[in-house]
Structures are given as structure tokens and as C-alpha cells.
Amino acid sequence: FQMVSMLPQPTIAAINGYAFGGGMELALACDFRIA
């Protein structure tokens, strides 16, 4: 997830359903979150 956070490209978490625990943490590692 730190590698995701450090990607040079802009990142979007497209939250298409439940996001709990590590799933939410992946979304938080992205630059933008749309649900």
C-alpha cells in the first residue's frame, strides 16, 4: 500500500462496494476516492 501511495501517477480508488479494514486502507493510499 505504501508503494501504491508512492506511485508517480495520480491514483483513483473506485469504491464499487464494501471497503473495510485493508480495503479502506488501500483506498486511503490512493490520491482520490470515488464511491
Full PDB file with SEQRES, HELIX, SHEET, SSBOND, CRYST1, ORIGX, SCALE, CONECT and MASTER records, all heavy atoms in Angstrom:
SEQRES   1 A   35  PHE GLN MET VAL SER MET LEU PRO GLN PRO THR ILE ALA          
SEQRES   2 A   35  ALA ILE ASN GLY TYR ALA PHE GLY GLY GLY MET GLU LEU          
SEQRES   3 A   35  ALA LEU ALA CYS ASP PHE ARG ILE ALA                          
HELIX    1 AA1 GLN A    2  SER A    5  1                                   4    
HELIX    2 AA2 GLY A   22  ALA A   29  1                                   8    
SHEET    1 AA1 2 ILE A  12  ALA A  14  0                                        
SHEET    2 AA1 2 PHE A  32  ILE A  34  1                                        
CRYST1    1.000    1.000    1.000  90.00  90.00  90.00 P 1           1          
ORIGX1      1.000000  0.000000  0.000000        0.00000                         
ORIGX2      0.000000  1.000000  0.000000        0.00000                         
ORIGX3      0.000000  0.000000  1.000000        0.00000                         
SCALE1      1.000000  0.000000  0.000000        0.00000                         
SCALE2      0.000000  1.000000  0.000000        0.00000                         
SCALE3      0.000000  0.000000  1.000000        0.00000                         
ATOM      1  N   PHE A   1       0.827  -1.209   0.000  1.00  0.00           N  
ATOM      2  CA  PHE A   1       0.000   0.000   0.000  1.00  0.00           C  
ATOM      3  C   PHE A   1       0.863   1.262   0.000  1.00  0.00           C  
ATOM      4  O   PHE A   1       0.475   2.283  -0.575  1.00  0.00           O  
ATOM      5  CB  PHE A   1      -0.949  -0.005   1.195  1.00  0.00           C  
ATOM      6  CG  PHE A   1      -2.072  -1.016   1.078  1.00  0.00           C  
ATOM      7  CD1 PHE A   1      -2.172  -1.846  -0.028  1.00  0.00           C  
ATOM      8  CD2 PHE A   1      -3.012  -1.136   2.078  1.00  0.00           C  
ATOM      9  CE1 PHE A   1      -3.192  -2.787  -0.137  1.00  0.00           C  
ATOM     10  CE2 PHE A   1      -4.042  -2.064   1.988  1.00  0.00           C  
ATOM     11  CZ  PHE A   1      -4.125  -2.897   0.879  1.00  0.00           C  
ATOM     12  N   GLN A   2       2.022   1.204   0.625  1.00  0.00           N  
ATOM     13  CA  GLN A   2       2.941   2.336   0.549  1.00  0.00           C  
ATOM     14  C   GLN A   2       3.438   2.524  -0.882  1.00  0.00           C  
ATOM     15  O   GLN A   2       3.603   3.656  -1.352  1.00  0.00           O  
ATOM     16  CB  GLN A   2       4.118   2.143   1.506  1.00  0.00           C  
ATOM     17  CG  GLN A   2       5.169   3.230   1.462  1.00  0.00           C  
ATOM     18  CD  GLN A   2       4.672   4.594   1.914  1.00  0.00           C  
ATOM     19  OE1 GLN A   2       3.534   4.738   2.358  1.00  0.00           O  
ATOM     20  NE2 GLN A   2       5.508   5.605   1.776  1.00  0.00           N  
ATOM     21  N   MET A   3       3.653   1.416  -1.589  1.00  0.00           N  
ATOM     22  CA  MET A   3       4.045   1.506  -2.995  1.00  0.00           C  
ATOM     23  C   MET A   3       2.938   2.148  -3.826  1.00  0.00           C  
ATOM     24  O   MET A   3       3.208   2.935  -4.732  1.00  0.00           O  
ATOM     25  CB  MET A   3       4.374   0.114  -3.532  1.00  0.00           C  
ATOM     26  CG  MET A   3       5.642  -0.495  -2.961  1.00  0.00           C  
ATOM     27  SD  MET A   3       5.870  -2.214  -3.464  1.00  0.00           S  
ATOM     28  CE  MET A   3       5.981  -2.011  -5.252  1.00  0.00           C  
ATOM     29  N   VAL A   4       1.691   1.818  -3.512  1.00  0.00           N  
ATOM     30  CA  VAL A   4       0.557   2.454  -4.189  1.00  0.00           C  
ATOM     31  C   VAL A   4       0.572   3.952  -3.917  1.00  0.00           C  
ATOM     32  O   VAL A   4       0.419   4.783  -4.830  1.00  0.00           O  
ATOM     33  CB  VAL A   4      -0.777   1.837  -3.723  1.00  0.00           C  
ATOM     34  CG1 VAL A   4      -1.961   2.643  -4.254  1.00  0.00           C  
ATOM     35  CG2 VAL A   4      -0.884   0.385  -4.183  1.00  0.00           C  
ATOM     36  N   SER A   5       0.776   4.307  -2.651  1.00  0.00           N  
ATOM     37  CA  SER A   5       0.802   5.715  -2.265  1.00  0.00           C  
ATOM     38  C   SER A   5       1.907   6.484  -2.980  1.00  0.00           C  
ATOM     39  O   SER A   5       1.746   7.670  -3.297  1.00  0.00           O  
ATOM     40  CB  SER A   5       0.995   5.826  -0.750  1.00  0.00           C  
ATOM     41  OG  SER A   5       1.095   7.171  -0.347  1.00  0.00           O  
ATOM     42  N   MET A   6       3.030   5.802  -3.261  1.00  0.00           N  
ATOM     43  CA  MET A   6       4.186   6.462  -3.852  1.00  0.00           C  
ATOM     44  C   MET A   6       4.219   6.382  -5.375  1.00  0.00           C  
ATOM     45  O   MET A   6       5.183   6.837  -5.987  1.00  0.00           O  
ATOM     46  CB  MET A   6       5.467   5.849  -3.288  1.00  0.00           C  
ATOM     47  CG  MET A   6       5.658   6.071  -1.790  1.00  0.00           C  
ATOM     48  SD  MET A   6       5.700   7.818  -1.328  1.00  0.00           S  
ATOM     49  CE  MET A   6       7.232   8.322  -2.099  1.00  0.00           C  
ATOM     50  N   LEU A   7       3.194   5.813  -5.981  1.00  0.00           N  
ATOM     51  CA  LEU A   7       3.160   5.810  -7.448  1.00  0.00           C  
ATOM     52  C   LEU A   7       3.263   7.242  -7.968  1.00  0.00           C  
ATOM     53  O   LEU A   7       2.604   8.140  -7.442  1.00  0.00           O  
ATOM     54  CB  LEU A   7       1.868   5.177  -7.963  1.00  0.00           C  
ATOM     55  CG  LEU A   7       1.821   3.651  -8.047  1.00  0.00           C  
ATOM     56  CD1 LEU A   7       0.408   3.173  -8.386  1.00  0.00           C  
ATOM     57  CD2 LEU A   7       2.798   3.126  -9.095  1.00  0.00           C  
ATOM     58  N   PRO A   8       4.050   7.471  -8.994  1.00  0.00           N  
ATOM     59  CA  PRO A   8       4.171   8.832  -9.515  1.00  0.00           C  
ATOM     60  C   PRO A   8       2.892   9.320 -10.202  1.00  0.00           C  
ATOM     61  O   PRO A   8       2.619  10.511 -10.233  1.00  0.00           O  
ATOM     62  CB  PRO A   8       5.335   8.730 -10.498  1.00  0.00           C  
ATOM     63  CG  PRO A   8       5.391   7.287 -10.891  1.00  0.00           C  
ATOM     64  CD  PRO A   8       4.956   6.522  -9.681  1.00  0.00           C  
ATOM     65  N   GLN A   9       2.110   8.379 -10.740  1.00  0.00           N  
ATOM     66  CA  GLN A   9       0.870   8.747 -11.418  1.00  0.00           C  
ATOM     67  C   GLN A   9      -0.242   9.048 -10.408  1.00  0.00           C  
ATOM     68  O   GLN A   9      -0.280   8.460  -9.330  1.00  0.00           O  
ATOM     69  CB  GLN A   9       0.402   7.622 -12.339  1.00  0.00           C  
ATOM     70  CG  GLN A   9       1.397   7.185 -13.390  1.00  0.00           C  
ATOM     71  CD  GLN A   9       2.211   5.982 -12.969  1.00  0.00           C  
ATOM     72  OE1 GLN A   9       2.429   5.747 -11.785  1.00  0.00           O  
ATOM     73  NE2 GLN A   9       2.679   5.206 -13.942  1.00  0.00           N  
ATOM     74  N   PRO A  10      -1.165   9.941 -10.756  1.00  0.00           N  
ATOM     75  CA  PRO A  10      -2.361  10.115  -9.924  1.00  0.00           C  
ATOM     76  C   PRO A  10      -3.145   8.807  -9.850  1.00  0.00           C  
ATOM     77  O   PRO A  10      -3.239   8.075 -10.840  1.00  0.00           O  
ATOM     78  CB  PRO A  10      -3.162  11.189 -10.664  1.00  0.00           C  
ATOM     79  CG  PRO A  10      -2.164  11.901 -11.522  1.00  0.00           C  
ATOM     80  CD  PRO A  10      -1.150  10.869 -11.905  1.00  0.00           C  
ATOM     81  N   THR A  11      -3.706   8.510  -8.667  1.00  0.00           N  
ATOM     82  CA  THR A  11      -4.427   7.262  -8.468  1.00  0.00           C  
ATOM     83  C   THR A  11      -5.829   7.539  -7.944  1.00  0.00           C  
ATOM     84  O   THR A  11      -6.040   8.447  -7.131  1.00  0.00           O  
ATOM     85  CB  THR A  11      -3.690   6.356  -7.474  1.00  0.00           C  
ATOM     86  OG1 THR A  11      -3.459   7.077  -6.252  1.00  0.00           O  
ATOM     87  CG2 THR A  11      -2.356   5.884  -8.043  1.00  0.00           C  
ATOM     88  N   ILE A  12      -6.777   6.713  -8.406  1.00  0.00           N  
ATOM     89  CA  ILE A  12      -8.178   6.844  -8.011  1.00  0.00           C  
ATOM     90  C   ILE A  12      -8.651   5.515  -7.449  1.00  0.00           C  
ATOM     91  O   ILE A  12      -8.516   4.478  -8.110  1.00  0.00           O  
ATOM     92  CB  ILE A  12      -9.073   7.217  -9.216  1.00  0.00           C  
ATOM     93  CG1 ILE A  12      -8.577   8.494  -9.896  1.00  0.00           C  
ATOM     94  CG2 ILE A  12     -10.536   7.372  -8.774  1.00  0.00           C  
ATOM     95  CD1 ILE A  12      -9.231   8.739 -11.259  1.00  0.00           C  
ATOM     96  N   ALA A  13      -9.214   5.529  -6.253  1.00  0.00           N  
ATOM     97  CA  ALA A  13      -9.881   4.349  -5.723  1.00  0.00           C  
ATOM     98  C   ALA A  13     -11.344   4.430  -6.136  1.00  0.00           C  
ATOM     99  O   ALA A  13     -12.074   5.329  -5.688  1.00  0.00           O  
ATOM    100  CB  ALA A  13      -9.762   4.289  -4.207  1.00  0.00           C  
ATOM    101  N   ALA A  14     -11.763   3.525  -7.013  1.00  0.00           N  
ATOM    102  CA  ALA A  14     -13.157   3.450  -7.449  1.00  0.00           C  
ATOM    103  C   ALA A  14     -13.855   2.444  -6.542  1.00  0.00           C  
ATOM    104  O   ALA A  14     -13.818   1.238  -6.777  1.00  0.00           O  
ATOM    105  CB  ALA A  14     -13.240   3.024  -8.912  1.00  0.00           C  
ATOM    106  N   ILE A  15     -14.472   2.945  -5.480  1.00  0.00           N  
ATOM    107  CA  ILE A  15     -15.028   2.099  -4.429  1.00  0.00           C  
ATOM    108  C   ILE A  15     -16.421   1.661  -4.843  1.00  0.00           C  
ATOM    109  O   ILE A  15     -17.416   2.360  -4.623  1.00  0.00           O  
ATOM    110  CB  ILE A  15     -15.032   2.850  -3.081  1.00  0.00           C  
ATOM    111  CG1 ILE A  15     -13.617   3.347  -2.756  1.00  0.00           C  
ATOM    112  CG2 ILE A  15     -15.546   1.943  -1.962  1.00  0.00           C  
ATOM    113  CD1 ILE A  15     -13.538   4.247  -1.542  1.00  0.00           C  
ATOM    114  N   ASN A  16     -16.482   0.478  -5.441  1.00  0.00           N  
ATOM    115  CA  ASN A  16     -17.714  -0.037  -6.034  1.00  0.00           C  
ATOM    116  C   ASN A  16     -18.555  -0.855  -5.062  1.00  0.00           C  
ATOM    117  O   ASN A  16     -19.603  -1.381  -5.439  1.00  0.00           O  
ATOM    118  CB  ASN A  16     -17.368  -0.911  -7.243  1.00  0.00           C  
ATOM    119  CG  ASN A  16     -16.399  -2.023  -6.885  1.00  0.00           C  
ATOM    120  OD1 ASN A  16     -15.350  -1.767  -6.303  1.00  0.00           O  
ATOM    121  ND2 ASN A  16     -16.727  -3.254  -7.230  1.00  0.00           N  
ATOM    122  N   GLY A  17     -18.110  -0.986  -3.822  1.00  0.00           N  
ATOM    123  CA  GLY A  17     -18.836  -1.765  -2.823  1.00  0.00           C  
ATOM    124  C   GLY A  17     -18.137  -1.664  -1.489  1.00  0.00           C  
ATOM    125  O   GLY A  17     -17.360  -0.733  -1.243  1.00  0.00           O  
ATOM    126  N   TYR A  18     -18.393  -2.625  -0.608  1.00  0.00           N  
ATOM    127  CA  TYR A  18     -17.835  -2.578   0.743  1.00  0.00           C  
ATOM    128  C   TYR A  18     -16.335  -2.331   0.727  1.00  0.00           C  
ATOM    129  O   TYR A  18     -15.585  -2.955  -0.024  1.00  0.00           O  
ATOM    130  CB  TYR A  18     -18.089  -3.891   1.468  1.00  0.00           C  
ATOM    131  CG  TYR A  18     -19.554  -4.224   1.687  1.00  0.00           C  
ATOM    132  CD1 TYR A  18     -20.014  -5.524   1.507  1.00  0.00           C  
ATOM    133  CD2 TYR A  18     -20.465  -3.250   2.074  1.00  0.00           C  
ATOM    134  CE1 TYR A  18     -21.352  -5.842   1.705  1.00  0.00           C  
ATOM    135  CE2 TYR A  18     -21.803  -3.554   2.270  1.00  0.00           C  
ATOM    136  CZ  TYR A  18     -22.239  -4.855   2.087  1.00  0.00           C  
ATOM    137  OH  TYR A  18     -23.561  -5.161   2.285  1.00  0.00           O  
ATOM    138  N   ALA A  19     -15.896  -1.431   1.612  1.00  0.00           N  
ATOM    139  CA  ALA A  19     -14.464  -1.157   1.788  1.00  0.00           C  
ATOM    140  C   ALA A  19     -14.190  -1.135   3.277  1.00  0.00           C  
ATOM    141  O   ALA A  19     -14.429  -0.129   3.954  1.00  0.00           O  
ATOM    142  CB  ALA A  19     -14.079   0.171   1.145  1.00  0.00           C  
ATOM    143  N   PHE A  20     -13.739  -2.264   3.807  1.00  0.00           N  
ATOM    144  CA  PHE A  20     -13.479  -2.394   5.229  1.00  0.00           C  
ATOM    145  C   PHE A  20     -12.010  -2.750   5.462  1.00  0.00           C  
ATOM    146  O   PHE A  20     -11.380  -3.405   4.636  1.00  0.00           O  
ATOM    147  CB  PHE A  20     -14.362  -3.475   5.856  1.00  0.00           C  
ATOM    148  CG  PHE A  20     -15.833  -3.173   5.791  1.00  0.00           C  
ATOM    149  CD1 PHE A  20     -16.730  -4.122   5.319  1.00  0.00           C  
ATOM    150  CD2 PHE A  20     -16.328  -1.952   6.199  1.00  0.00           C  
ATOM    151  CE1 PHE A  20     -18.083  -3.855   5.253  1.00  0.00           C  
ATOM    152  CE2 PHE A  20     -17.684  -1.667   6.137  1.00  0.00           C  
ATOM    153  CZ  PHE A  20     -18.563  -2.621   5.668  1.00  0.00           C  
ATOM    154  N   GLY A  21     -11.497  -2.349   6.632  1.00  0.00           N  
ATOM    155  CA  GLY A  21     -10.151  -2.748   7.009  1.00  0.00           C  
ATOM    156  C   GLY A  21      -9.128  -2.415   5.942  1.00  0.00           C  
ATOM    157  O   GLY A  21      -8.998  -1.269   5.499  1.00  0.00           O  
ATOM    158  N   GLY A  22      -8.399  -3.457   5.496  1.00  0.00           N  
ATOM    159  CA  GLY A  22      -7.377  -3.262   4.475  1.00  0.00           C  
ATOM    160  C   GLY A  22      -7.918  -2.716   3.174  1.00  0.00           C  
ATOM    161  O   GLY A  22      -7.209  -2.017   2.439  1.00  0.00           O  
ATOM    162  N   GLY A  23      -9.175  -3.003   2.870  1.00  0.00           N  
ATOM    163  CA  GLY A  23      -9.774  -2.426   1.667  1.00  0.00           C  
ATOM    164  C   GLY A  23      -9.869  -0.920   1.768  1.00  0.00           C  
ATOM    165  O   GLY A  23      -9.564  -0.189   0.820  1.00  0.00           O  
ATOM    166  N   MET A  24     -10.280  -0.426   2.948  1.00  0.00           N  
ATOM    167  CA  MET A  24     -10.332   1.017   3.162  1.00  0.00           C  
ATOM    168  C   MET A  24      -8.934   1.607   3.171  1.00  0.00           C  
ATOM    169  O   MET A  24      -8.711   2.720   2.687  1.00  0.00           O  
ATOM    170  CB  MET A  24     -11.034   1.309   4.485  1.00  0.00           C  
ATOM    171  CG  MET A  24     -11.372   2.788   4.690  1.00  0.00           C  
ATOM    172  SD  MET A  24     -12.658   3.348   3.567  1.00  0.00           S  
ATOM    173  CE  MET A  24     -11.896   4.814   2.850  1.00  0.00           C  
ATOM    174  N   GLU A  25      -7.973   0.852   3.686  1.00  0.00           N  
ATOM    175  CA  GLU A  25      -6.593   1.341   3.714  1.00  0.00           C  
ATOM    176  C   GLU A  25      -6.006   1.459   2.318  1.00  0.00           C  
ATOM    177  O   GLU A  25      -5.226   2.373   2.036  1.00  0.00           O  
ATOM    178  CB  GLU A  25      -5.739   0.438   4.600  1.00  0.00           C  
ATOM    179  CG  GLU A  25      -6.077   0.598   6.076  1.00  0.00           C  
ATOM    180  CD  GLU A  25      -5.298  -0.335   6.978  1.00  0.00           C  
ATOM    181  OE1 GLU A  25      -5.489  -1.561   6.859  1.00  0.00           O  
ATOM    182  OE2 GLU A  25      -4.507   0.158   7.795  1.00  0.00           O  
ATOM    183  N   LEU A  26      -6.380   0.545   1.419  1.00  0.00           N  
ATOM    184  CA  LEU A  26      -5.955   0.695   0.027  1.00  0.00           C  
ATOM    185  C   LEU A  26      -6.539   1.970  -0.565  1.00  0.00           C  
ATOM    186  O   LEU A  26      -5.847   2.729  -1.259  1.00  0.00           O  
ATOM    187  CB  LEU A  26      -6.384  -0.521  -0.807  1.00  0.00           C  
ATOM    188  CG  LEU A  26      -6.159  -0.402  -2.317  1.00  0.00           C  
ATOM    189  CD1 LEU A  26      -4.689  -0.172  -2.647  1.00  0.00           C  
ATOM    190  CD2 LEU A  26      -6.679  -1.649  -3.038  1.00  0.00           C  
ATOM    191  N   ALA A  27      -7.807   2.220  -0.288  1.00  0.00           N  
ATOM    192  CA  ALA A  27      -8.442   3.442  -0.791  1.00  0.00           C  
ATOM    193  C   ALA A  27      -7.745   4.681  -0.242  1.00  0.00           C  
ATOM    194  O   ALA A  27      -7.538   5.671  -0.964  1.00  0.00           O  
ATOM    195  CB  ALA A  27      -9.921   3.451  -0.431  1.00  0.00           C  
ATOM    196  N   LEU A  28      -7.368   4.644   1.033  1.00  0.00           N  
ATOM    197  CA  LEU A  28      -6.683   5.785   1.642  1.00  0.00           C  
ATOM    198  C   LEU A  28      -5.295   5.998   1.048  1.00  0.00           C  
ATOM    199  O   LEU A  28      -4.775   7.119   1.053  1.00  0.00           O  
ATOM    200  CB  LEU A  28      -6.562   5.586   3.150  1.00  0.00           C  
ATOM    201  CG  LEU A  28      -7.863   5.670   3.946  1.00  0.00           C  
ATOM    202  CD1 LEU A  28      -7.636   5.233   5.392  1.00  0.00           C  
ATOM    203  CD2 LEU A  28      -8.452   7.072   3.903  1.00  0.00           C  
ATOM    204  N   ALA A  29      -4.683   4.930   0.531  1.00  0.00           N  
ATOM    205  CA  ALA A  29      -3.363   5.048  -0.100  1.00  0.00           C  
ATOM    206  C   ALA A  29      -3.451   5.684  -1.479  1.00  0.00           C  
ATOM    207  O   ALA A  29      -2.422   6.083  -2.041  1.00  0.00           O  
ATOM    208  CB  ALA A  29      -2.698   3.676  -0.196  1.00  0.00           C  
ATOM    209  N   CYS A  30      -4.658   5.754  -2.036  1.00  0.00           N  
ATOM    210  CA  CYS A  30      -4.850   6.401  -3.340  1.00  0.00           C  
ATOM    211  C   CYS A  30      -5.024   7.910  -3.151  1.00  0.00           C  
ATOM    212  O   CYS A  30      -5.353   8.388  -2.072  1.00  0.00           O  
ATOM    213  CB  CYS A  30      -6.064   5.813  -4.051  1.00  0.00           C  
ATOM    214  SG  CYS A  30      -5.878   4.074  -4.520  1.00  0.00           S  
ATOM    215  N   ASP A  31      -4.841   8.648  -4.237  1.00  0.00           N  
ATOM    216  CA  ASP A  31      -4.952  10.104  -4.174  1.00  0.00           C  
ATOM    217  C   ASP A  31      -6.399  10.571  -4.092  1.00  0.00           C  
ATOM    218  O   ASP A  31      -6.699  11.580  -3.455  1.00  0.00           O  
ATOM    219  CB  ASP A  31      -4.292  10.733  -5.409  1.00  0.00           C  
ATOM    220  CG  ASP A  31      -2.830  10.379  -5.530  1.00  0.00           C  
ATOM    221  OD1 ASP A  31      -2.135  10.385  -4.501  1.00  0.00           O  
ATOM    222  OD2 ASP A  31      -2.380  10.071  -6.651  1.00  0.00           O  
ATOM    223  N   PHE A  32      -7.300   9.847  -4.743  1.00  0.00           N  
ATOM    224  CA  PHE A  32      -8.708  10.222  -4.789  1.00  0.00           C  
ATOM    225  C   PHE A  32      -9.570   8.997  -4.503  1.00  0.00           C  
ATOM    226  O   PHE A  32      -9.184   7.867  -4.833  1.00  0.00           O  
ATOM    227  CB  PHE A  32      -9.083  10.790  -6.169  1.00  0.00           C  
ATOM    228  CG  PHE A  32      -8.188  11.913  -6.614  1.00  0.00           C  
ATOM    229  CD1 PHE A  32      -7.176  11.685  -7.535  1.00  0.00           C  
ATOM    230  CD2 PHE A  32      -8.346  13.191  -6.109  1.00  0.00           C  
ATOM    231  CE1 PHE A  32      -6.335  12.708  -7.940  1.00  0.00           C  
ATOM    232  CE2 PHE A  32      -7.507  14.231  -6.507  1.00  0.00           C  
ATOM    233  CZ  PHE A  32      -6.503  13.988  -7.429  1.00  0.00           C  
ATOM    234  N   ARG A  33     -10.751   9.240  -3.925  1.00  0.00           N  
ATOM    235  CA  ARG A  33     -11.683   8.165  -3.611  1.00  0.00           C  
ATOM    236  C   ARG A  33     -13.074   8.557  -4.088  1.00  0.00           C  
ATOM    237  O   ARG A  33     -13.626   9.573  -3.636  1.00  0.00           O  
ATOM    238  CB  ARG A  33     -11.690   7.907  -2.098  1.00  0.00           C  
ATOM    239  CG  ARG A  33     -10.452   7.196  -1.583  1.00  0.00           C  
ATOM    240  CD  ARG A  33     -10.175   7.492  -0.117  1.00  0.00           C  
ATOM    241  NE  ARG A  33      -9.852   8.908   0.072  1.00  0.00           N  
ATOM    242  CZ  ARG A  33      -8.671   9.442  -0.194  1.00  0.00           C  
ATOM    243  NH1 ARG A  33      -7.677   8.689  -0.635  1.00  0.00           N  
ATOM    244  NH2 ARG A  33      -8.464  10.735  -0.021  1.00  0.00           N  
ATOM    245  N   ILE A  34     -13.603   7.753  -4.996  1.00  0.00           N  
ATOM    246  CA  ILE A  34     -14.963   7.948  -5.503  1.00  0.00           C  
ATOM    247  C   ILE A  34     -15.737   6.673  -5.183  1.00  0.00           C  
ATOM    248  O   ILE A  34     -15.274   5.575  -5.486  1.00  0.00           O  
ATOM    249  CB  ILE A  34     -14.970   8.224  -7.019  1.00  0.00           C  
ATOM    250  CG1 ILE A  34     -14.114   9.463  -7.338  1.00  0.00           C  
ATOM    251  CG2 ILE A  34     -16.396   8.413  -7.524  1.00  0.00           C  
ATOM    252  CD1 ILE A  34     -13.967   9.749  -8.815  1.00  0.00           C  
ATOM    253  N   ALA A  35     -16.914   6.815  -4.568  1.00  0.00           N  
ATOM    254  CA  ALA A  35     -17.665   5.641  -4.117  1.00  0.00           C  
ATOM    255  C   ALA A  35     -19.093   5.653  -4.627  1.00  0.00           C  
ATOM    256  O   ALA A  35     -19.681   6.724  -4.875  1.00  0.00           O  
ATOM    257  CB  ALA A  35     -17.673   5.576  -2.588  1.00  0.00           C  
TER     258      ALA A  35                                                      
MASTER        0    0    0    2    2    0    0    6  257    1    0    3          
END                                                                             
